[in-house]
PDB file of N, CA and C in Angstrom:
ATOM      1  N   MET A   1      63.067  77.176  21.797  1.00  0.00           N
ATOM      2  CA  MET A   1      62.322  76.808  22.879  1.00  0.00           C
ATOM      3  C   MET A   1      61.686  77.449  23.551  1.00  0.00           C
ATOM      4  N   LEU A   2      62.235  78.692  23.836  1.00  0.00           N
ATOM      5  CA  LEU A   2      61.703  79.979  24.268  1.00  0.00           C
ATOM      6  C   LEU A   2      60.191  79.915  24.019  1.00  0.00           C
ATOM      7  N   ASN A   3      59.594  80.398  22.632  1.00  0.00           N
ATOM      8  CA  ASN A   3      58.599  80.354  22.527  1.00  0.00           C
ATOM      9  C   ASN A   3      57.167  78.950  22.715  1.00  0.00           C
ATOM     10  N   ARG A   4      57.957  78.127  22.560  1.00  0.00           N
ATOM     11  CA  ARG A   4      57.189  77.141  22.722  1.00  0.00           C
ATOM     12  C   ARG A   4      57.291  76.159  24.317  1.00  0.00           C
ATOM     13  N   ASP A   5      57.895  77.088  25.358  1.00  0.00           N
ATOM     14  CA  ASP A   5      57.488  76.686  26.839  1.00  0.00           C
ATOM     15  C   ASP A   5      57.810  75.517  27.248  1.00  0.00           C
ATOM     16  N   LEU A   6      58.942  75.173  25.808  1.00  0.00           N
ATOM     17  CA  LEU A   6      59.385  73.344  26.476  1.00  0.00           C
ATOM     18  C   LEU A   6      61.572  73.889  25.846  1.00  0.00           C
ATOM     19  N   TYR A   7      61.882  73.174  27.253  1.00  0.00           N
ATOM     20  CA  TYR A   7      63.491  73.527  27.247  1.00  0.00           C
ATOM     21  C   TYR A   7      63.943  71.652  27.304  1.00  0.00           C
ATOM     22  N   VAL A   8      65.158  72.021  26.622  1.00  0.00           N
ATOM     23  CA  VAL A   8      65.899  70.495  26.200  1.00  0.00           C
ATOM     24  C   VAL A   8      66.589  70.670  27.666  1.00  0.00           C
ATOM     25  N   HIS A   9      67.071  69.293  28.335  1.00  0.00           N
ATOM     26  CA  HIS A   9      68.060  69.018  29.515  1.00  0.00           C
ATOM     27  C   HIS A   9      68.790  69.109  28.788  1.00  0.00           C
ATOM     28  N   THR A  10      69.924  68.936  29.849  1.00  0.00           N
ATOM     29  CA  THR A  10      71.375  69.049  30.216  1.00  0.00           C
ATOM     30  C   THR A  10      71.434  67.054  29.423  1.00  0.00           C
ATOM     31  N   LEU A  11      71.925  67.529  28.823  1.00  0.00           N
ATOM     32  CA  LEU A  11      73.065  66.174  28.050  1.00  0.00           C
ATOM     33  C   LEU A  11      73.711  65.360  29.368  1.00  0.00           C
ATOM     34  N   ASN A  12      73.844  64.615  29.614  1.00  0.00           N
ATOM     35  CA  ASN A  12      74.138  64.028  30.549  1.00  0.00           C
ATOM     36  C   ASN A  12      74.846  64.450  31.734  1.00  0.00           C
ATOM     37  N   LEU A  13      74.358  64.793  32.477  1.00  0.00           N
ATOM     38  CA  LEU A  13      74.412  66.032  33.690  1.00  0.00           C
ATOM     39  C   LEU A  13      73.277  64.426  35.232  1.00  0.00           C
ATOM     40  N   ASP A  14      73.876  63.561  34.854  1.00  0.00           N
ATOM     41  CA  ASP A  14      73.391  62.861  35.772  1.00  0.00           C
ATOM     42  C   ASP A  14      73.575  62.939  37.424  1.00  0.00           C
ATOM     43  N   ASP A  15      74.782  63.376  38.067  1.00  0.00           N
ATOM     44  CA  ASP A  15      75.047  63.603  39.422  1.00  0.00           C
ATOM     45  C   ASP A  15      75.543  65.057  39.250  1.00  0.00           C
ATOM     46  N   VAL A  16      74.351  65.868  40.496  1.00  0.00           N
ATOM     47  CA  VAL A  16      74.722  67.703  40.442  1.00  0.00           C
ATOM     48  C   VAL A  16      75.557  66.815  41.721  1.00  0.00           C
ATOM     49  N   ASP A  17      77.013  67.918  41.912  1.00  0.00           N
ATOM     50  CA  ASP A  17      77.457  67.754  43.062  1.00  0.00           C
ATOM     51  C   ASP A  17      76.710  68.206  43.935  1.00  0.00           C
ATOM     52  N   PRO A  18      77.421  67.901  45.445  1.00  0.00           N
ATOM     53  CA  PRO A  18      76.321  68.920  45.989  1.00  0.00           C
ATOM     54  C   PRO A  18      76.605  70.016  46.805  1.00  0.00           C
ATOM     55  N   HIS A  19      77.317  70.905  46.419  1.00  0.00           N
ATOM     56  CA  HIS A  19      78.666  71.985  46.509  1.00  0.00           C
ATOM     57  C   HIS A  19      77.748  73.017  46.019  1.00  0.00           C
ATOM     58  N   CYS A  20      77.258  72.434  44.654  1.00  0.00           N
ATOM     59  CA  CYS A  20      76.781  73.437  43.603  1.00  0.00           C
ATOM     60  C   CYS A  20      75.426  73.962  43.598  1.00  0.00           C
ATOM     61  N   GLY A  21      75.172  75.247  43.434  1.00  0.00           N
ATOM     62  CA  GLY A  21      73.113  76.021  43.695  1.00  0.00           C
ATOM     63  C   GLY A  21      72.728  75.545  43.555  1.00  0.00           C
ATOM     64  N   LYS A  22      71.907  75.700  44.411  1.00  0.00           N
ATOM     65  CA  LYS A  22      70.067  74.687  44.772  1.00  0.00           C
ATOM     66  C   LYS A  22      69.279  75.556  43.547  1.00  0.00           C
ATOM     67  N   LEU A  23      69.797  74.782  42.404  1.00  0.00           N
ATOM     68  CA  LEU A  23      68.982  75.393  41.484  1.00  0.00           C
ATOM     69  C   LEU A  23      68.061  74.518  40.448  1.00  0.00           C
ATOM     70  N   ASP A  24      67.240  74.876  39.331  1.00  0.00           N
ATOM     71  CA  ASP A  24      66.374  73.515  39.083  1.00  0.00           C
ATOM     72  C   ASP A  24      66.491  73.063  37.773  1.00  0.00           C
ATOM     73  N   TYR A  25      67.726  72.348  37.751  1.00  0.00           N
ATOM     74  CA  TYR A  25      68.692  71.935  36.634  1.00  0.00           C
ATOM     75  C   TYR A  25      67.243  70.708  35.782  1.00  0.00           C
ATOM     76  N   LEU A  26      67.608  70.982  34.964  1.00  0.00           N
ATOM     77  CA  LEU A  26      67.309  70.000  33.849  1.00  0.00           C
ATOM     78  C   LEU A  26      67.806  68.555  33.142  1.00  0.00           C
ATOM     79  N   ARG A  27      67.409  67.613  34.126  1.00  0.00           N
ATOM     80  CA  ARG A  27      68.336  66.431  33.774  1.00  0.00           C
ATOM     81  C   ARG A  27      67.337  64.968  33.364  1.00  0.00           C
ATOM     82  N   GLY A  28      67.490  64.922  32.473  1.00  0.00           N
ATOM     83  CA  GLY A  28      67.044  63.561  31.677  1.00  0.00           C
ATOM     84  C   GLY A  28      65.253  63.748  31.433  1.00  0.00           C
ATOM     85  N   GLU A  29      65.190  65.557  31.085  1.00  0.00           N
ATOM     86  CA  GLU A  29      63.484  64.740  30.376  1.00  0.00           C
ATOM     87  C   GLU A  29      63.329  66.284  30.315  1.00  0.00           C
ATOM     88  N   PHE A  30      62.522  66.725  29.036  1.00  0.00           N
ATOM     89  CA  PHE A  30      62.246  68.477  28.888  1.00  0.00           C
ATOM     90  C   PHE A  30      61.876  68.833  30.449  1.00  0.00           C
ATOM     91  N   GLY A  31      62.138  70.285  29.574  1.00  0.00           N
ATOM     92  CA  GLY A  31      61.329  71.042  31.522  1.00  0.00           C
ATOM     93  C   GLY A  31      60.448  71.907  30.526  1.00  0.00           C
ATOM     94  N   LYS A  32      59.390  71.766  31.569  1.00  0.00           N
ATOM     95  CA  LYS A  32      58.483  73.622  30.747  1.00  0.00           C
ATOM     96  C   LYS A  32      58.212  74.007  31.728  1.00  0.00           C
ATOM     97  N   MET A  33      58.497  75.347  31.428  1.00  0.00           N
ATOM     98  CA  MET A  33      58.723  77.094  31.842  1.00  0.00           C
ATOM     99  C   MET A  33      58.424  77.521  30.803  1.00  0.00           C
ATOM    100  N   SER A  34      57.397  79.264  31.306  1.00  0.00           N
ATOM    101  CA  SER A  34      57.634  80.511  30.522  1.00  0.00           C
ATOM    102  C   SER A  34      58.192  81.217  30.832  1.00  0.00           C
ATOM    103  N   ASN A  35      58.589  81.875  29.819  1.00  0.00           N
ATOM    104  CA  ASN A  35      59.576  83.324  30.735  1.00  0.00           C
ATOM    105  C   ASN A  35      59.604  83.936  28.744  1.00  0.00           C
ATOM    106  N   GLN A  36      59.621  85.374  29.537  1.00  0.00           N
ATOM    107  CA  GLN A  36      59.545  86.733  28.858  1.00  0.00           C
ATOM    108  C   GLN A  36      60.965  86.654  27.950  1.00  0.00           C
ATOM    109  N   TYR A  37      62.658  86.152  29.047  1.00  0.00           N
ATOM    110  CA  TYR A  37      64.134  85.878  28.486  1.00  0.00           C
ATOM    111  C   TYR A  37      64.066  85.407  29.121  1.00  0.00           C
ATOM    112  N   VAL A  38      65.318  84.659  28.236  1.00  0.00           N
ATOM    113  CA  VAL A  38      67.000  83.802  28.533  1.00  0.00           C
ATOM    114  C   VAL A  38      68.212  84.510  27.694  1.00  0.00           C
ATOM    115  N   MET A  39      69.505  83.479  28.741  1.00  0.00           N
ATOM    116  CA  MET A  39      70.300  84.041  28.508  1.00  0.00           C
ATOM    117  C   MET A  39      71.505  83.016  28.348  1.00  0.00           C
ATOM    118  N   ASN A  40      71.971  83.070  27.535  1.00  0.00           N
ATOM    119  CA  ASN A  40      72.898  81.350  26.931  1.00  0.00           C
ATOM    120  C   ASN A  40      74.619  82.224  27.301  1.00  0.00           C
ATOM    121  N   ASN A  41      75.011  81.816  28.107  1.00  0.00           N
ATOM    122  CA  ASN A  41      76.660  82.209  28.471  1.00  0.00           C
ATOM    123  C   ASN A  41      77.629  80.943  27.675  1.00  0.00           C
ATOM    124  N   ASN A  42      78.547  82.040  27.356  1.00  0.00           N
ATOM    125  CA  ASN A  42      79.782  80.573  26.295  1.00  0.00           C
ATOM    126  C   ASN A  42      80.991  81.655  26.981  1.00  0.00           C
ATOM    127  N   PHE A  43      82.067  80.233  27.184  1.00  0.00           N
ATOM    128  CA  PHE A  43      82.816  80.531  28.077  1.00  0.00           C
ATOM    129  C   PHE A  43      84.268  79.408  27.531  1.00  0.00           C
ATOM    130  N   ALA A  44      84.768  80.415  26.410  1.00  0.00           N
ATOM    131  CA  ALA A  44      85.762  79.539  25.398  1.00  0.00           C
ATOM    132  C   ALA A  44      87.346  80.009  25.849  1.00  0.00           C
ATOM    133  N   PHE A  45      88.396  78.935  25.775  1.00  0.00           N
ATOM    134  CA  PHE A  45      89.522  79.482  26.225  1.00  0.00           C
ATOM    135  C   PHE A  45      90.477  80.208  25.923  1.00  0.00           C
ATOM    136  N   GLY A  46      90.873  81.244  26.373  1.00  0.00           N
ATOM    137  CA  GLY A  46      91.331  81.915  25.981  1.00  0.00           C
ATOM    138  C   GLY A  46      91.093  83.912  26.219  1.00  0.00           C
ATOM    139  N   GLY A  47      89.939  83.791  27.467  1.00  0.00           N
ATOM    140  CA  GLY A  47      89.468  84.563  27.555  1.00  0.00           C
ATOM    141  C   GLY A  47      88.417  85.263  26.413  1.00  0.00           C
ATOM    142  N   VAL A  48      87.543  84.467  25.366  1.00  0.00           N
ATOM    143  CA  VAL A  48      86.961  84.058  24.798  1.00  0.00           C
ATOM    144  C   VAL A  48      85.784  84.349  25.205  1.00  0.00           C
ATOM    145  N   ASN A  49      84.367  85.046  25.856  1.00  0.00           N
ATOM    146  CA  ASN A  49      83.066  84.897  26.795  1.00  0.00           C
ATOM    147  C   ASN A  49      82.350  85.471  26.089  1.00  0.00           C
ATOM    148  N   THR A  50      81.421  84.949  25.722  1.00  0.00           N
ATOM    149  CA  THR A  50      80.090  85.582  24.654  1.00  0.00           C
ATOM    150  C   THR A  50      79.366  85.249  25.974  1.00  0.00           C
ATOM    151  N   SER A  51      77.272  86.076  25.946  1.00  0.00           N
ATOM    152  CA  SER A  51      76.102  86.384  26.600  1.00  0.00           C
ATOM    153  C   SER A  51      75.420  86.533  25.533  1.00  0.00           C
ATOM    154  N   LEU A  52      73.995  85.895  25.922  1.00  0.00           N
ATOM    155  CA  LEU A  52      73.086  85.934  24.439  1.00  0.00           C
ATOM    156  C   LEU A  52      72.586  86.621  25.162  1.00  0.00           C
ATOM    157  N   ILE A  53      71.254  87.250  24.858  1.00  0.00           N
ATOM    158  CA  ILE A  53      70.075  87.391  25.609  1.00  0.00           C
ATOM    159  C   ILE A  53      69.223  87.328  24.883  1.00  0.00           C
ATOM    160  N   PHE A  54      68.173  86.539  24.890  1.00  0.00           N
ATOM    161  CA  PHE A  54      66.919  86.654  23.760  1.00  0.00           C
ATOM    162  C   PHE A  54      65.647  86.802  24.445  1.00  0.00           C
ATOM    163  N   ARG A  55      64.275  87.248  23.573  1.00  0.00           N
ATOM    164  CA  ARG A  55      63.591  87.450  24.369  1.00  0.00           C
ATOM    165  C   ARG A  55      62.682  87.104  23.142  1.00  0.00           C
ATOM    166  N   ARG A  56      61.726  86.910  24.087  1.00  0.00           N
ATOM    167  CA  ARG A  56      59.866  86.127  23.258  1.00  0.00           C
ATOM    168  C   ARG A  56      59.406  87.039  22.391  1.00  0.00           C
ATOM    169  N   TRP A  57      59.285  86.584  21.594  1.00  0.00           N
ATOM    170  CA  TRP A  57      58.694  86.807  20.348  1.00  0.00           C
ATOM    171  C   TRP A  57      57.238  87.129  20.325  1.00  0.00           C
ATOM    172  N   SER A  58      56.877  88.046  19.779  1.00  0.00           N
ATOM    173  CA  SER A  58      55.584  88.093  20.455  1.00  0.00           C
ATOM    174  C   SER A  58      54.964  88.215  18.979  1.00  0.00           C
TER     175      SER A  58
END
């Protein structure tokens, strides 16, 4: 996705809570944006947390 500048929307995200931050949520269709780096956060039960940072391949 990073190399093609095309990002997959969040599945089943229909209604965003108005108390959530004002972010560019990808809902219902692919999003097109150009980034050099992206970060993916994963949070699991028991405190197993991971963050991955990806860089565009030249």
